[in-house]
Amino acid sequence: MTMYIMLINWTEQGVKTVRDSPKRLDAAKKLLSDMGGSFKEFYLTMGEHDMVAVCEAPDDAVAARFALSLGSAGNVRTRTLKAFPEAAYRELINSLG
């Protein structure tokens, strides 16, 4: 599975209904699970981003569908980073010759 880091910010709509956010998180976890992926970690953060999620998905298409599904609900906007674990990082660097 491929790892993704999602940087998440509430929209105006999402922050107005912030008390519902835990239910929306549970629904997002179920949605990603139904797509064959999973949440590995989730954080409420302070600073530029409101939340950070570390997720696994079978491929980029699933990660994109998941991010689009979250965004289409109107409560959050996401930025998704494809993450390479340390072993893959070392392999990539070593392959440079």
PDB file of N, CA and C in Angstrom:
ATOM      1  N   MET A   1       0.841  -1.181   0.000  1.00  0.00           N
ATOM      2  CA  MET A   1       0.000   0.000   0.000  1.00  0.00           C
ATOM      3  C   MET A   1       0.883   1.240   0.000  1.00  0.00           C
ATOM      4  N   THR A   2       0.329   2.288  -0.513  1.00  0.00           N
ATOM      5  CA  THR A   2       1.034   3.560  -0.586  1.00  0.00           C
ATOM      6  C   THR A   2       0.585   4.454   0.565  1.00  0.00           C
ATOM      7  N   MET A   3       1.533   5.189   1.131  1.00  0.00           N
ATOM      8  CA  MET A   3       1.263   6.081   2.254  1.00  0.00           C
ATOM      9  C   MET A   3       1.041   7.505   1.725  1.00  0.00           C
ATOM     10  N   TYR A   4       0.095   8.196   2.354  1.00  0.00           N
ATOM     11  CA  TYR A   4      -0.226   9.575   1.994  1.00  0.00           C
ATOM     12  C   TYR A   4      -0.345  10.409   3.266  1.00  0.00           C
ATOM     13  N   ILE A   5       0.130  11.624   3.192  1.00  0.00           N
ATOM     14  CA  ILE A   5      -0.046  12.576   4.281  1.00  0.00           C
ATOM     15  C   ILE A   5      -1.029  13.622   3.788  1.00  0.00           C
ATOM     16  N   MET A   6      -2.110  13.794   4.516  1.00  0.00           N
ATOM     17  CA  MET A   6      -3.147  14.760   4.132  1.00  0.00           C
ATOM     18  C   MET A   6      -3.101  15.948   5.081  1.00  0.00           C
ATOM     19  N   LEU A   7      -2.923  17.122   4.511  1.00  0.00           N
ATOM     20  CA  LEU A   7      -2.978  18.370   5.255  1.00  0.00           C
ATOM     21  C   LEU A   7      -4.386  18.913   5.073  1.00  0.00           C
ATOM     22  N   ILE A   8      -5.081  19.143   6.170  1.00  0.00           N
ATOM     23  CA  ILE A   8      -6.518  19.417   6.111  1.00  0.00           C
ATOM     24  C   ILE A   8      -6.834  20.742   6.784  1.00  0.00           C
ATOM     25  N   ASN A   9      -7.679  21.530   6.136  1.00  0.00           N
ATOM     26  CA  ASN A   9      -8.180  22.777   6.716  1.00  0.00           C
ATOM     27  C   ASN A   9      -9.693  22.788   6.638  1.00  0.00           C
ATOM     28  N   TRP A  10     -10.302  23.277   7.733  1.00  0.00           N
ATOM     29  CA  TRP A  10     -11.739  23.455   7.714  1.00  0.00           C
ATOM     30  C   TRP A  10     -12.113  24.591   6.772  1.00  0.00           C
ATOM     31  N   THR A  11     -13.223  24.436   6.100  1.00  0.00           N
ATOM     32  CA  THR A  11     -13.826  25.537   5.353  1.00  0.00           C
ATOM     33  C   THR A  11     -14.667  26.342   6.340  1.00  0.00           C
ATOM     34  N   GLU A  12     -15.220  27.446   5.889  1.00  0.00           N
ATOM     35  CA  GLU A  12     -16.112  28.222   6.756  1.00  0.00           C
ATOM     36  C   GLU A  12     -17.281  27.349   7.225  1.00  0.00           C
ATOM     37  N   GLN A  13     -17.829  26.574   6.295  1.00  0.00           N
ATOM     38  CA  GLN A  13     -18.928  25.653   6.645  1.00  0.00           C
ATOM     39  C   GLN A  13     -18.472  24.643   7.694  1.00  0.00           C
ATOM     40  N   GLY A  14     -17.290  24.090   7.512  1.00  0.00           N
ATOM     41  CA  GLY A  14     -16.792  23.061   8.424  1.00  0.00           C
ATOM     42  C   GLY A  14     -16.533  23.581   9.826  1.00  0.00           C
ATOM     43  N   VAL A  15     -16.017  24.786   9.934  1.00  0.00           N
ATOM     44  CA  VAL A  15     -15.734  25.329  11.259  1.00  0.00           C
ATOM     45  C   VAL A  15     -17.018  25.769  11.959  1.00  0.00           C
ATOM     46  N   LYS A  16     -18.023  26.177  11.199  1.00  0.00           N
ATOM     47  CA  LYS A  16     -19.308  26.536  11.807  1.00  0.00           C
ATOM     48  C   LYS A  16     -19.971  25.323  12.459  1.00  0.00           C
ATOM     49  N   THR A  17     -19.699  24.155  11.919  1.00  0.00           N
ATOM     50  CA  THR A  17     -20.286  22.920  12.448  1.00  0.00           C
ATOM     51  C   THR A  17     -19.200  22.020  13.054  1.00  0.00           C
ATOM     52  N   VAL A  18     -18.200  22.651  13.682  1.00  0.00           N
ATOM     53  CA  VAL A  18     -17.040  21.922  14.190  1.00  0.00           C
ATOM     54  C   VAL A  18     -17.428  20.847  15.211  1.00  0.00           C
ATOM     55  N   ARG A  19     -18.512  21.044  15.918  1.00  0.00           N
ATOM     56  CA  ARG A  19     -18.932  20.031  16.896  1.00  0.00           C
ATOM     57  C   ARG A  19     -19.303  18.707  16.236  1.00  0.00           C
ATOM     58  N   ASP A  20     -19.616  18.749  14.951  1.00  0.00           N
ATOM     59  CA  ASP A  20     -19.924  17.531  14.198  1.00  0.00           C
ATOM     60  C   ASP A  20     -18.664  16.886  13.614  1.00  0.00           C
ATOM     61  N   SER A  21     -17.529  17.546  13.774  1.00  0.00           N
ATOM     62  CA  SER A  21     -16.289  17.076  13.158  1.00  0.00           C
ATOM     63  C   SER A  21     -15.911  15.649  13.549  1.00  0.00           C
ATOM     64  N   PRO A  22     -16.033  15.239  14.820  1.00  0.00           N
ATOM     65  CA  PRO A  22     -15.698  13.843  15.139  1.00  0.00           C
ATOM     66  C   PRO A  22     -16.553  12.827  14.372  1.00  0.00           C
ATOM     67  N   LYS A  23     -17.830  13.134  14.169  1.00  0.00           N
ATOM     68  CA  LYS A  23     -18.682  12.235  13.381  1.00  0.00           C
ATOM     69  C   LYS A  23     -18.223  12.201  11.926  1.00  0.00           C
ATOM     70  N   ARG A  24     -17.811  13.362  11.414  1.00  0.00           N
ATOM     71  CA  ARG A  24     -17.321  13.404  10.029  1.00  0.00           C
ATOM     72  C   ARG A  24     -16.012  12.629   9.898  1.00  0.00           C
ATOM     73  N   LEU A  25     -15.156  12.706  10.916  1.00  0.00           N
ATOM     74  CA  LEU A  25     -13.918  11.924  10.896  1.00  0.00           C
ATOM     75  C   LEU A  25     -14.232  10.430  10.868  1.00  0.00           C
ATOM     76  N   ASP A  26     -15.167  10.004  11.693  1.00  0.00           N
ATOM     77  CA  ASP A  26     -15.562   8.588  11.691  1.00  0.00           C
ATOM     78  C   ASP A  26     -16.081   8.162  10.323  1.00  0.00           C
ATOM     79  N   ALA A  27     -16.878   9.030   9.699  1.00  0.00           N
ATOM     80  CA  ALA A  27     -17.402   8.724   8.361  1.00  0.00           C
ATOM     81  C   ALA A  27     -16.271   8.664   7.339  1.00  0.00           C
ATOM     82  N   ALA A  28     -15.287   9.560   7.463  1.00  0.00           N
ATOM     83  CA  ALA A  28     -14.142   9.557   6.533  1.00  0.00           C
ATOM     84  C   ALA A  28     -13.331   8.272   6.700  1.00  0.00           C
ATOM     85  N   LYS A  29     -13.143   7.842   7.946  1.00  0.00           N
ATOM     86  CA  LYS A  29     -12.407   6.599   8.181  1.00  0.00           C
ATOM     87  C   LYS A  29     -13.128   5.409   7.554  1.00  0.00           C
ATOM     88  N   LYS A  30     -14.445   5.384   7.681  1.00  0.00           N
ATOM     89  CA  LYS A  30     -15.228   4.298   7.071  1.00  0.00           C
ATOM     90  C   LYS A  30     -15.142   4.362   5.559  1.00  0.00           C
ATOM     91  N   LEU A  31     -15.257   5.562   4.987  1.00  0.00           N
ATOM     92  CA  LEU A  31     -15.170   5.724   3.538  1.00  0.00           C
ATOM     93  C   LEU A  31     -13.841   5.209   3.008  1.00  0.00           C
ATOM     94  N   LEU A  32     -12.751   5.615   3.636  1.00  0.00           N
ATOM     95  CA  LEU A  32     -11.443   5.158   3.167  1.00  0.00           C
ATOM     96  C   LEU A  32     -11.302   3.654   3.340  1.00  0.00           C
ATOM     97  N   SER A  33     -11.807   3.119   4.430  1.00  0.00           N
ATOM     98  CA  SER A  33     -11.768   1.670   4.638  1.00  0.00           C
ATOM     99  C   SER A  33     -12.549   0.945   3.545  1.00  0.00           C
ATOM    100  N   ASP A  34     -13.728   1.465   3.203  1.00  0.00           N
ATOM    101  CA  ASP A  34     -14.531   0.869   2.130  1.00  0.00           C
ATOM    102  C   ASP A  34     -13.819   0.922   0.785  1.00  0.00           C
ATOM    103  N   MET A  35     -12.898   1.882   0.628  1.00  0.00           N
ATOM    104  CA  MET A  35     -12.123   2.015  -0.609  1.00  0.00           C
ATOM    105  C   MET A  35     -10.856   1.152  -0.582  1.00  0.00           C
ATOM    106  N   GLY A  36     -10.638   0.451   0.536  1.00  0.00           N
ATOM    107  CA  GLY A  36      -9.474  -0.425   0.632  1.00  0.00           C
ATOM    108  C   GLY A  36      -8.282   0.192   1.339  1.00  0.00           C
ATOM    109  N   GLY A  37      -8.465   1.367   1.929  1.00  0.00           N
ATOM    110  CA  GLY A  37      -7.370   2.038   2.621  1.00  0.00           C
ATOM    111  C   GLY A  37      -7.631   2.135   4.113  1.00  0.00           C
ATOM    112  N   SER A  38      -6.799   2.917   4.783  1.00  0.00           N
ATOM    113  CA  SER A  38      -6.987   3.097   6.223  1.00  0.00           C
ATOM    114  C   SER A  38      -6.266   4.351   6.716  1.00  0.00           C
ATOM    115  N   PHE A  39      -6.763   4.882   7.822  1.00  0.00           N
ATOM    116  CA  PHE A  39      -6.081   5.950   8.545  1.00  0.00           C
ATOM    117  C   PHE A  39      -5.045   5.295   9.446  1.00  0.00           C
ATOM    118  N   LYS A  40      -3.828   5.762   9.429  1.00  0.00           N
ATOM    119  CA  LYS A  40      -2.796   5.259  10.329  1.00  0.00           C
ATOM    120  C   LYS A  40      -2.655   6.172  11.538  1.00  0.00           C
ATOM    121  N   GLU A  41      -2.769   7.485  11.309  1.00  0.00           N
ATOM    122  CA  GLU A  41      -2.688   8.459  12.393  1.00  0.00           C
ATOM    123  C   GLU A  41      -3.528   9.666  12.018  1.00  0.00           C
ATOM    124  N   PHE A  42      -3.993  10.376  13.040  1.00  0.00           N
ATOM    125  CA  PHE A  42      -4.762  11.600  12.823  1.00  0.00           C
ATOM    126  C   PHE A  42      -4.409  12.575  13.936  1.00  0.00           C
ATOM    127  N   TYR A  43      -4.214  13.839  13.565  1.00  0.00           N
ATOM    128  CA  TYR A  43      -3.860  14.869  14.538  1.00  0.00           C
ATOM    129  C   TYR A  43      -4.662  16.140  14.296  1.00  0.00           C
ATOM    130  N   LEU A  44      -5.117  16.756  15.363  1.00  0.00           N
ATOM    131  CA  LEU A  44      -5.589  18.131  15.335  1.00  0.00           C
ATOM    132  C   LEU A  44      -4.320  18.959  15.520  1.00  0.00           C
ATOM    133  N   THR A  45      -4.121  19.966  14.673  1.00  0.00           N
ATOM    134  CA  THR A  45      -2.877  20.714  14.707  1.00  0.00           C
ATOM    135  C   THR A  45      -3.133  22.208  14.859  1.00  0.00           C
ATOM    136  N   MET A  46      -2.120  22.907  15.287  1.00  0.00           N
ATOM    137  CA  MET A  46      -2.163  24.362  15.378  1.00  0.00           C
ATOM    138  C   MET A  46      -1.156  24.908  14.369  1.00  0.00           C
ATOM    139  N   GLY A  47      -1.521  25.964  13.686  1.00  0.00           N
ATOM    140  CA  GLY A  47      -0.629  26.540  12.697  1.00  0.00           C
ATOM    141  C   GLY A  47      -1.342  26.657  11.368  1.00  0.00           C
ATOM    142  N   GLU A  48      -0.614  26.451  10.298  1.00  0.00           N
ATOM    143  CA  GLU A  48      -1.149  26.636   8.951  1.00  0.00           C
ATOM    144  C   GLU A  48      -2.270  25.658   8.612  1.00  0.00           C
ATOM    145  N   HIS A  49      -2.215  24.467   9.178  1.00  0.00           N
ATOM    146  CA  HIS A  49      -3.214  23.442   8.889  1.00  0.00           C
ATOM    147  C   HIS A  49      -3.964  23.079  10.156  1.00  0.00           C
ATOM    148  N   ASP A  50      -5.250  22.775  10.005  1.00  0.00           N
ATOM    149  CA  ASP A  50      -6.100  22.439  11.149  1.00  0.00           C
ATOM    150  C   ASP A  50      -5.945  20.995  11.601  1.00  0.00           C
ATOM    151  N   MET A  51      -5.692  20.111  10.649  1.00  0.00           N
ATOM    152  CA  MET A  51      -5.566  18.688  10.953  1.00  0.00           C
ATOM    153  C   MET A  51      -4.555  18.061   9.990  1.00  0.00           C
ATOM    154  N   VAL A  52      -3.984  16.940  10.421  1.00  0.00           N
ATOM    155  CA  VAL A  52      -3.081  16.153   9.577  1.00  0.00           C
ATOM    156  C   VAL A  52      -3.482  14.687   9.731  1.00  0.00           C
ATOM    157  N   ALA A  53      -3.596  13.998   8.618  1.00  0.00           N
ATOM    158  CA  ALA A  53      -3.902  12.573   8.635  1.00  0.00           C
ATOM    159  C   ALA A  53      -2.824  11.820   7.866  1.00  0.00           C
ATOM    160  N   VAL A  54      -2.420  10.709   8.406  1.00  0.00           N
ATOM    161  CA  VAL A  54      -1.504   9.798   7.717  1.00  0.00           C
ATOM    162  C   VAL A  54      -2.349   8.595   7.327  1.00  0.00           C
ATOM    163  N   CYS A  55      -2.442   8.362   6.026  1.00  0.00           N
ATOM    164  CA  CYS A  55      -3.338   7.328   5.501  1.00  0.00           C
ATOM    165  C   CYS A  55      -2.602   6.402   4.544  1.00  0.00           C
ATOM    166  N   GLU A  56      -3.144   5.209   4.394  1.00  0.00           N
ATOM    167  CA  GLU A  56      -2.693   4.271   3.373  1.00  0.00           C
ATOM    168  C   GLU A  56      -3.835   4.051   2.399  1.00  0.00           C
ATOM    169  N   ALA A  57      -3.475   3.914   1.131  1.00  0.00           N
ATOM    170  CA  ALA A  57      -4.456   3.595   0.091  1.00  0.00           C
ATOM    171  C   ALA A  57      -3.795   2.663  -0.915  1.00  0.00           C
ATOM    172  N   PRO A  58      -4.601   1.875  -1.610  1.00  0.00           N
ATOM    173  CA  PRO A  58      -4.033   0.931  -2.572  1.00  0.00           C
ATOM    174  C   PRO A  58      -3.264   1.604  -3.712  1.00  0.00           C
ATOM    175  N   ASP A  59      -3.695   2.805  -4.113  1.00  0.00           N
ATOM    176  CA  ASP A  59      -3.030   3.485  -5.215  1.00  0.00           C
ATOM    177  C   ASP A  59      -3.432   4.962  -5.252  1.00  0.00           C
ATOM    178  N   ASP A  60      -2.815   5.703  -6.168  1.00  0.00           N
ATOM    179  CA  ASP A  60      -3.074   7.141  -6.279  1.00  0.00           C
ATOM    180  C   ASP A  60      -4.526   7.446  -6.639  1.00  0.00           C
ATOM    181  N   ALA A  61      -5.142   6.601  -7.444  1.00  0.00           N
ATOM    182  CA  ALA A  61      -6.528   6.841  -7.851  1.00  0.00           C
ATOM    183  C   ALA A  61      -7.463   6.774  -6.647  1.00  0.00           C
ATOM    184  N   VAL A  62      -7.251   5.833  -5.764  1.00  0.00           N
ATOM    185  CA  VAL A  62      -8.076   5.727  -4.559  1.00  0.00           C
ATOM    186  C   VAL A  62      -7.842   6.947  -3.670  1.00  0.00           C
ATOM    187  N   ALA A  63      -6.586   7.345  -3.499  1.00  0.00           N
ATOM    188  CA  ALA A  63      -6.289   8.526  -2.681  1.00  0.00           C
ATOM    189  C   ALA A  63      -6.954   9.771  -3.268  1.00  0.00           C
ATOM    190  N   ALA A  64      -6.938   9.896  -4.579  1.00  0.00           N
ATOM    191  CA  ALA A  64      -7.569  11.051  -5.228  1.00  0.00           C
ATOM    192  C   ALA A  64      -9.083  11.026  -5.042  1.00  0.00           C
ATOM    193  N   ARG A  65      -9.699   9.856  -5.241  1.00  0.00           N
ATOM    194  CA  ARG A  65     -11.152   9.748  -5.035  1.00  0.00           C
ATOM    195  C   ARG A  65     -11.533  10.079  -3.602  1.00  0.00           C
ATOM    196  N   PHE A  66     -10.718   9.626  -2.663  1.00  0.00           N
ATOM    197  CA  PHE A  66     -10.990   9.902  -1.261  1.00  0.00           C
ATOM    198  C   PHE A  66     -10.900  11.411  -0.981  1.00  0.00           C
ATOM    199  N   ALA A  67      -9.842  12.050  -1.439  1.00  0.00           N
ATOM    200  CA  ALA A  67      -9.682  13.493  -1.223  1.00  0.00           C
ATOM    201  C   ALA A  67     -10.807  14.280  -1.886  1.00  0.00           C
ATOM    202  N   LEU A  68     -11.187  13.885  -3.087  1.00  0.00           N
ATOM    203  CA  LEU A  68     -12.287  14.560  -3.787  1.00  0.00           C
ATOM    204  C   LEU A  68     -13.612  14.366  -3.050  1.00  0.00           C
ATOM    205  N   SER A  69     -13.814  13.184  -2.502  1.00  0.00           N
ATOM    206  CA  SER A  69     -15.036  12.926  -1.736  1.00  0.00           C
ATOM    207  C   SER A  69     -15.098  13.803  -0.494  1.00  0.00           C
ATOM    208  N   LEU A  70     -13.976  13.938   0.195  1.00  0.00           N
ATOM    209  CA  LEU A  70     -13.942  14.812   1.368  1.00  0.00           C
ATOM    210  C   LEU A  70     -14.236  16.257   0.975  1.00  0.00           C
ATOM    211  N   GLY A  71     -13.565  16.728  -0.062  1.00  0.00           N
ATOM    212  CA  GLY A  71     -13.745  18.110  -0.499  1.00  0.00           C
ATOM    213  C   GLY A  71     -15.146  18.406  -0.984  1.00  0.00           C
ATOM    214  N   SER A  72     -15.769  17.450  -1.628  1.00  0.00           N
ATOM    215  CA  SER A  72     -17.098  17.692  -2.199  1.00  0.00           C
ATOM    216  C   SER A  72     -18.164  17.870  -1.126  1.00  0.00           C
ATOM    217  N   ALA A  73     -17.902  17.408   0.102  1.00  0.00           N
ATOM    218  CA  ALA A  73     -18.857  17.595   1.189  1.00  0.00           C
ATOM    219  C   ALA A  73     -18.855  19.035   1.698  1.00  0.00           C
ATOM    220  N   GLY A  74     -17.779  19.765   1.389  1.00  0.00           N
ATOM    221  CA  GLY A  74     -17.736  21.187   1.705  1.00  0.00           C
ATOM    222  C   GLY A  74     -17.247  21.570   3.087  1.00  0.00           C
ATOM    223  N   ASN A  75     -16.837  20.604   3.904  1.00  0.00           N
ATOM    224  CA  ASN A  75     -16.398  20.917   5.265  1.00  0.00           C
ATOM    225  C   ASN A  75     -14.898  21.104   5.408  1.00  0.00           C
ATOM    226  N   VAL A  76     -14.137  20.508   4.502  1.00  0.00           N
ATOM    227  CA  VAL A  76     -12.678  20.614   4.557  1.00  0.00           C
ATOM    228  C   VAL A  76     -12.105  20.755   3.154  1.00  0.00           C
ATOM    229  N   ARG A  77     -10.891  21.275   3.119  1.00  0.00           N
ATOM    230  CA  ARG A  77     -10.073  21.280   1.911  1.00  0.00           C
ATOM    231  C   ARG A  77      -8.798  20.535   2.259  1.00  0.00           C
ATOM    232  N   THR A  78      -8.301  19.740   1.329  1.00  0.00           N
ATOM    233  CA  THR A  78      -7.132  18.908   1.614  1.00  0.00           C
ATOM    234  C   THR A  78      -5.996  19.191   0.638  1.00  0.00           C
ATOM    235  N   ARG A  79      -4.814  18.908   1.104  1.00  0.00           N
ATOM    236  CA  ARG A  79      -3.617  18.832   0.262  1.00  0.00           C
ATOM    237  C   ARG A  79      -3.008  17.476   0.575  1.00  0.00           C
ATOM    238  N   THR A  80      -2.795  16.696  -0.458  1.00  0.00           N
ATOM    239  CA  THR A  80      -2.342  15.326  -0.249  1.00  0.00           C
ATOM    240  C   THR A  80      -0.920  15.166  -0.752  1.00  0.00           C
ATOM    241  N   LEU A  81      -0.081  14.602   0.092  1.00  0.00           N
ATOM    242  CA  LEU A  81       1.320  14.347  -0.242  1.00  0.00           C
ATOM    243  C   LEU A  81       1.538  12.838  -0.296  1.00  0.00           C
ATOM    244  N   LYS A  82       2.102  12.370  -1.392  1.00  0.00           N
ATOM    245  CA  LYS A  82       2.476  10.958  -1.463  1.00  0.00           C
ATOM    246  C   LYS A  82       3.764  10.810  -0.661  1.00  0.00           C
ATOM    247  N   ALA A  83       3.788   9.853   0.257  1.00  0.00           N
ATOM    248  CA  ALA A  83       4.922   9.709   1.166  1.00  0.00           C
ATOM    249  C   ALA A  83       5.688   8.422   0.882  1.00  0.00           C
ATOM    250  N   PHE A  84       7.008   8.551   0.826  1.00  0.00           N
ATOM    251  CA  PHE A  84       7.889   7.409   0.629  1.00  0.00           C
ATOM    252  C   PHE A  84       8.548   7.075   1.966  1.00  0.00           C
ATOM    253  N   PRO A  85       8.400   5.852   2.459  1.00  0.00           N
ATOM    254  CA  PRO A  85       9.051   5.495   3.720  1.00  0.00           C
ATOM    255  C   PRO A  85      10.575   5.516   3.569  1.00  0.00           C
ATOM    256  N   GLU A  86      11.250   5.471   4.693  1.00  0.00           N
ATOM    257  CA  GLU A  86      12.710   5.599   4.674  1.00  0.00           C
ATOM    258  C   GLU A  86      13.380   4.569   3.765  1.00  0.00           C
ATOM    259  N   ALA A  87      12.926   3.333   3.780  1.00  0.00           N
ATOM    260  CA  ALA A  87      13.552   2.303   2.932  1.00  0.00           C
ATOM    261  C   ALA A  87      13.434   2.665   1.454  1.00  0.00           C
ATOM    262  N   ALA A  88      12.265   3.164   1.044  1.00  0.00           N
ATOM    263  CA  ALA A  88      12.077   3.578  -0.357  1.00  0.00           C
ATOM    264  C   ALA A  88      12.930   4.798  -0.670  1.00  0.00           C
ATOM    265  N   TYR A  89      13.026   5.717   0.278  1.00  0.00           N
ATOM    266  CA  TYR A  89      13.884   6.897   0.116  1.00  0.00           C
ATOM    267  C   TYR A  89      15.329   6.464  -0.153  1.00  0.00           C
ATOM    268  N   ARG A  90      15.834   5.554   0.672  1.00  0.00           N
ATOM    269  CA  ARG A  90      17.209   5.101   0.513  1.00  0.00           C
ATOM    270  C   ARG A  90      17.414   4.395  -0.834  1.00  0.00           C
ATOM    271  N   GLU A  91      16.444   3.596  -1.224  1.00  0.00           N
ATOM    272  CA  GLU A  91      16.512   2.895  -2.506  1.00  0.00           C
ATOM    273  C   GLU A  91      16.545   3.888  -3.662  1.00  0.00           C
ATOM    274  N   LEU A  92      15.690   4.890  -3.610  1.00  0.00           N
ATOM    275  CA  LEU A  92      15.660   5.913  -4.661  1.00  0.00           C
ATOM    276  C   LEU A  92      16.979   6.662  -4.756  1.00  0.00           C
ATOM    277  N   ILE A  93      17.513   7.061  -3.610  1.00  0.00           N
ATOM    278  CA  ILE A  93      18.774   7.794  -3.609  1.00  0.00           C
ATOM    279  C   ILE A  93      19.906   6.921  -4.114  1.00  0.00           C
ATOM    280  N   ASN A  94      19.945   5.656  -3.672  1.00  0.00           N
ATOM    281  CA  ASN A  94      20.993   4.739  -4.123  1.00  0.00           C
ATOM    282  C   ASN A  94      20.917   4.458  -5.623  1.00  0.00           C
ATOM    283  N   SER A  95      19.726   4.550  -6.188  1.00  0.00           N
ATOM    284  CA  SER A  95      19.570   4.267  -7.607  1.00  0.00           C
ATOM    285  C   SER A  95      20.084   5.409  -8.497  1.00  0.00           C
ATOM    286  N   LEU A  96      20.447   6.512  -7.884  1.00  0.00           N
ATOM    287  CA  LEU A  96      20.941   7.645  -8.665  1.00  0.00           C
ATOM    288  C   LEU A  96      22.345   7.395  -9.208  1.00  0.00           C
ATOM    289  N   GLY A  97      23.017   6.404  -8.679  1.00  0.00           N
ATOM    290  CA  GLY A  97      24.319   6.038  -9.215  1.00  0.00           C
ATOM    291  C   GLY A  97      25.496   6.623  -8.530  1.00  0.00           C
TER     292      GLY A  97
END
